[in-house]
Amino acid sequence: MKTSFANPGNKTTAMRALETIKQQNGSVDELNTHFRLLISKAGLDMVQNAALLVQMYEDAISLRLFQTLVVNGKNSDNIETYMANTSEVD
């Protein structure tokens, strides 16, 4: 019999994945898609958890890209804006 209750372990797994996700050799758009998926799976609100998500995102993107964003004033405290700016700069 299938249960209709969500597995709480999935949220924990998604949070751990958000904490460790890295861009590596993939594109920023691929990272953004995966990052958004994990946010959804973790059940996080992008506005209420903006500071946490921005920190996780900064840890996920490459150092070169992070530096470019900061130098050009394209980093943001809004995760959606940050992700859009990162995609534009990459």
N, C-alpha and C. Protein backbone atom coordinates (compact mmCIF):
# COMPACT_ATOMS: atom_id res chain seq x y z
N MET A 1 0.83 -1.18 0.00
CA MET A 1 0.00 0.00 0.00
C MET A 1 0.88 1.24 0.00
N LYS A 2 0.61 2.14 -0.92
CA LYS A 2 1.39 3.38 -0.98
C LYS A 2 0.86 4.37 0.05
N THR A 3 1.79 5.11 0.62
CA THR A 3 1.39 6.12 1.60
C THR A 3 1.30 7.49 0.92
N SER A 4 0.42 8.32 1.40
CA SER A 4 0.26 9.65 0.81
C SER A 4 1.13 10.68 1.53
N PHE A 5 1.83 10.26 2.56
CA PHE A 5 2.69 11.18 3.30
C PHE A 5 4.05 11.30 2.63
N ALA A 6 4.57 12.52 2.58
CA ALA A 6 5.88 12.74 1.99
C ALA A 6 6.95 12.14 2.90
N ASN A 7 8.00 11.67 2.32
CA ASN A 7 9.11 11.13 3.08
C ASN A 7 9.94 12.30 3.62
N PRO A 8 9.98 12.48 4.95
CA PRO A 8 10.73 13.59 5.50
C PRO A 8 12.23 13.50 5.21
N GLY A 9 12.72 12.30 4.93
CA GLY A 9 14.12 12.12 4.59
C GLY A 9 14.49 12.79 3.28
N ASN A 10 13.51 12.94 2.37
CA ASN A 10 13.77 13.60 1.10
C ASN A 10 14.16 15.06 1.30
N LYS A 11 13.52 15.74 2.25
CA LYS A 11 13.85 17.13 2.54
C LYS A 11 15.25 17.24 3.10
N THR A 12 15.59 16.32 3.98
CA THR A 12 16.93 16.31 4.57
C THR A 12 17.99 16.06 3.50
N THR A 13 17.71 15.11 2.63
CA THR A 13 18.64 14.79 1.54
C THR A 13 18.81 16.00 0.62
N ALA A 14 17.72 16.67 0.31
CA ALA A 14 17.78 17.86 -0.55
C ALA A 14 18.58 18.97 0.11
N MET A 15 18.40 19.16 1.41
CA MET A 15 19.17 20.19 2.12
C MET A 15 20.66 19.88 2.08
N ARG A 16 21.00 18.64 2.28
CA ARG A 16 22.42 18.23 2.23
C ARG A 16 22.99 18.47 0.84
N ALA A 17 22.20 18.17 -0.17
CA ALA A 17 22.64 18.38 -1.55
C ALA A 17 22.84 19.87 -1.83
N LEU A 18 21.95 20.72 -1.30
CA LEU A 18 22.10 22.17 -1.47
C LEU A 18 23.38 22.66 -0.82
N GLU A 19 23.73 22.07 0.31
CA GLU A 19 24.93 22.48 1.04
C GLU A 19 26.21 22.08 0.32
N THR A 20 26.14 21.08 -0.54
CA THR A 20 27.36 20.55 -1.16
C THR A 20 27.42 20.72 -2.68
N ILE A 21 26.35 21.19 -3.29
CA ILE A 21 26.32 21.31 -4.75
C ILE A 21 27.42 22.26 -5.24
N LYS A 22 28.05 21.90 -6.34
CA LYS A 22 29.11 22.71 -6.95
C LYS A 22 28.90 22.79 -8.45
N GLN A 23 29.26 23.91 -9.03
CA GLN A 23 29.12 24.10 -10.48
C GLN A 23 30.03 23.16 -11.24
N GLN A 24 31.25 23.03 -10.80
CA GLN A 24 32.28 22.23 -11.46
C GLN A 24 32.40 22.61 -12.93
N ASN A 25 32.27 21.66 -13.85
CA ASN A 25 32.45 21.95 -15.27
C ASN A 25 31.14 22.21 -16.01
N GLY A 26 30.03 22.11 -15.30
CA GLY A 26 28.74 22.31 -15.94
C GLY A 26 28.44 23.79 -16.15
N SER A 27 27.40 24.05 -16.91
CA SER A 27 27.00 25.43 -17.17
C SER A 27 26.25 26.00 -15.96
N VAL A 28 26.19 27.31 -15.89
CA VAL A 28 25.45 27.98 -14.83
C VAL A 28 23.96 27.65 -14.96
N ASP A 29 23.46 27.56 -16.18
CA ASP A 29 22.04 27.23 -16.36
C ASP A 29 21.72 25.85 -15.81
N GLU A 30 22.62 24.90 -15.99
CA GLU A 30 22.43 23.56 -15.42
C GLU A 30 22.44 23.63 -13.89
N LEU A 31 23.38 24.39 -13.34
CA LEU A 31 23.46 24.57 -11.90
C LEU A 31 22.17 25.20 -11.39
N ASN A 32 21.71 26.26 -12.05
CA ASN A 32 20.49 26.96 -11.62
C ASN A 32 19.28 26.03 -11.61
N THR A 33 19.16 25.22 -12.64
CA THR A 33 18.04 24.27 -12.72
C THR A 33 18.09 23.29 -11.56
N HIS A 34 19.26 22.72 -11.33
CA HIS A 34 19.42 21.75 -10.25
C HIS A 34 19.22 22.42 -8.89
N PHE A 35 19.73 23.63 -8.72
CA PHE A 35 19.61 24.37 -7.47
C PHE A 35 18.13 24.63 -7.17
N ARG A 36 17.38 25.08 -8.17
CA ARG A 36 15.94 25.34 -7.99
C ARG A 36 15.19 24.06 -7.63
N LEU A 37 15.54 22.97 -8.27
CA LEU A 37 14.90 21.69 -7.99
C LEU A 37 15.14 21.28 -6.53
N LEU A 38 16.37 21.44 -6.08
CA LEU A 38 16.69 21.09 -4.70
C LEU A 38 15.99 22.01 -3.70
N ILE A 39 15.87 23.29 -4.03
CA ILE A 39 15.13 24.22 -3.16
C ILE A 39 13.69 23.73 -3.01
N SER A 40 13.10 23.35 -4.10
CA SER A 40 11.73 22.85 -4.08
C SER A 40 11.62 21.57 -3.26
N LYS A 41 12.53 20.63 -3.49
CA LYS A 41 12.50 19.36 -2.76
C LYS A 41 12.71 19.57 -1.26
N ALA A 42 13.52 20.57 -0.91
CA ALA A 42 13.79 20.86 0.50
C ALA A 42 12.63 21.62 1.15
N GLY A 43 11.70 22.10 0.33
CA GLY A 43 10.56 22.82 0.86
C GLY A 43 10.90 24.21 1.37
N LEU A 44 11.93 24.82 0.78
CA LEU A 44 12.35 26.15 1.22
C LEU A 44 11.67 27.25 0.43
N ASP A 45 11.29 28.29 1.11
CA ASP A 45 10.74 29.49 0.47
C ASP A 45 11.92 30.37 0.07
N MET A 46 11.95 30.79 -1.20
CA MET A 46 13.10 31.53 -1.73
C MET A 46 13.20 32.94 -1.14
N VAL A 47 12.10 33.49 -0.65
CA VAL A 47 12.13 34.82 -0.05
C VAL A 47 12.50 34.73 1.42
N GLN A 48 11.83 33.87 2.15
CA GLN A 48 12.07 33.74 3.59
C GLN A 48 13.46 33.18 3.89
N ASN A 49 14.02 32.41 2.99
CA ASN A 49 15.33 31.78 3.20
C ASN A 49 16.40 32.37 2.30
N ALA A 50 16.19 33.60 1.85
CA ALA A 50 17.08 34.22 0.87
C ALA A 50 18.53 34.25 1.32
N ALA A 51 18.80 34.67 2.55
CA ALA A 51 20.18 34.79 3.03
C ALA A 51 20.89 33.43 3.00
N LEU A 52 20.21 32.40 3.46
CA LEU A 52 20.79 31.06 3.46
C LEU A 52 21.03 30.57 2.03
N LEU A 53 20.06 30.77 1.17
CA LEU A 53 20.18 30.31 -0.22
C LEU A 53 21.26 31.06 -0.98
N VAL A 54 21.40 32.36 -0.74
CA VAL A 54 22.46 33.13 -1.39
C VAL A 54 23.82 32.59 -0.96
N GLN A 55 23.99 32.30 0.33
CA GLN A 55 25.26 31.75 0.81
C GLN A 55 25.56 30.40 0.16
N MET A 56 24.56 29.55 0.08
CA MET A 56 24.74 28.24 -0.55
C MET A 56 25.08 28.40 -2.03
N TYR A 57 24.42 29.35 -2.67
CA TYR A 57 24.65 29.58 -4.10
C TYR A 57 26.06 30.10 -4.34
N GLU A 58 26.50 31.02 -3.50
CA GLU A 58 27.87 31.55 -3.63
C GLU A 58 28.89 30.44 -3.46
N ASP A 59 28.61 29.50 -2.58
CA ASP A 59 29.51 28.36 -2.39
C ASP A 59 29.47 27.41 -3.59
N ALA A 60 28.35 27.41 -4.31
CA ALA A 60 28.17 26.47 -5.43
C ALA A 60 28.84 26.94 -6.72
N ILE A 61 28.81 28.25 -6.98
CA ILE A 61 29.38 28.74 -8.24
C ILE A 61 30.90 28.77 -8.17
N SER A 62 31.52 28.83 -9.32
CA SER A 62 32.98 28.84 -9.36
C SER A 62 33.52 30.13 -8.75
N LEU A 63 34.71 30.07 -8.20
CA LEU A 63 35.35 31.24 -7.59
C LEU A 63 35.52 32.34 -8.63
N ARG A 64 35.91 31.99 -9.84
CA ARG A 64 36.09 32.98 -10.90
C ARG A 64 34.79 33.73 -11.18
N LEU A 65 33.71 32.99 -11.26
CA LEU A 65 32.42 33.58 -11.54
C LEU A 65 31.97 34.47 -10.37
N PHE A 66 32.17 33.99 -9.15
CA PHE A 66 31.81 34.78 -7.97
C PHE A 66 32.57 36.11 -7.97
N GLN A 67 33.86 36.05 -8.24
CA GLN A 67 34.67 37.27 -8.26
C GLN A 67 34.20 38.23 -9.34
N THR A 68 33.86 37.72 -10.51
CA THR A 68 33.36 38.55 -11.61
C THR A 68 32.07 39.25 -11.20
N LEU A 69 31.18 38.51 -10.56
CA LEU A 69 29.91 39.08 -10.12
C LEU A 69 30.12 40.20 -9.10
N VAL A 70 31.00 39.97 -8.15
CA VAL A 70 31.26 40.97 -7.10
C VAL A 70 31.89 42.22 -7.71
N VAL A 71 32.90 42.05 -8.55
CA VAL A 71 33.58 43.18 -9.17
C VAL A 71 32.61 44.02 -9.99
N ASN A 72 31.67 43.37 -10.66
CA ASN A 72 30.70 44.08 -11.50
C ASN A 72 29.42 44.48 -10.76
N GLY A 73 29.40 44.27 -9.45
CA GLY A 73 28.23 44.63 -8.66
C GLY A 73 26.98 43.84 -9.01
N LYS A 74 27.17 42.61 -9.47
CA LYS A 74 26.04 41.78 -9.91
C LYS A 74 25.61 40.75 -8.86
N ASN A 75 26.32 40.73 -7.71
CA ASN A 75 25.85 39.84 -6.65
C ASN A 75 24.63 40.50 -6.01
N SER A 76 23.79 39.70 -5.38
CA SER A 76 22.51 40.21 -4.88
C SER A 76 22.11 39.46 -3.62
N ASP A 77 21.24 40.08 -2.83
CA ASP A 77 20.69 39.39 -1.66
C ASP A 77 19.36 38.72 -2.01
N ASN A 78 18.96 38.82 -3.28
CA ASN A 78 17.77 38.14 -3.79
C ASN A 78 18.25 36.97 -4.64
N ILE A 79 17.90 35.76 -4.25
CA ILE A 79 18.44 34.58 -4.92
C ILE A 79 18.02 34.50 -6.39
N GLU A 80 16.80 34.90 -6.72
CA GLU A 80 16.37 34.86 -8.12
C GLU A 80 17.19 35.83 -8.97
N THR A 81 17.40 37.04 -8.45
CA THR A 81 18.21 38.04 -9.16
C THR A 81 19.64 37.55 -9.30
N TYR A 82 20.17 36.98 -8.23
CA TYR A 82 21.54 36.48 -8.23
C TYR A 82 21.72 35.41 -9.31
N MET A 83 20.78 34.49 -9.38
CA MET A 83 20.87 33.41 -10.36
C MET A 83 20.76 33.96 -11.78
N ALA A 84 19.88 34.92 -11.99
CA ALA A 84 19.72 35.52 -13.32
C ALA A 84 20.99 36.27 -13.71
N ASN A 85 21.56 37.03 -12.78
CA ASN A 85 22.80 37.76 -13.06
C ASN A 85 23.95 36.81 -13.35
N THR A 86 24.01 35.72 -12.64
CA THR A 86 25.07 34.73 -12.85
C THR A 86 24.96 34.12 -14.25
N SER A 87 23.75 33.81 -14.64
CA SER A 87 23.52 33.25 -15.98
C SER A 87 23.92 34.25 -17.05
N GLU A 88 23.63 35.51 -16.82
CA GLU A 88 23.96 36.58 -17.78
C GLU A 88 25.46 36.79 -17.90
N VAL A 89 26.18 36.71 -16.78
CA VAL A 89 27.63 36.98 -16.76
C VAL A 89 28.42 35.80 -17.32
N ASP A 90 27.93 34.59 -17.09
CA ASP A 90 28.69 33.39 -17.47
C ASP A 90 28.85 33.27 -18.96
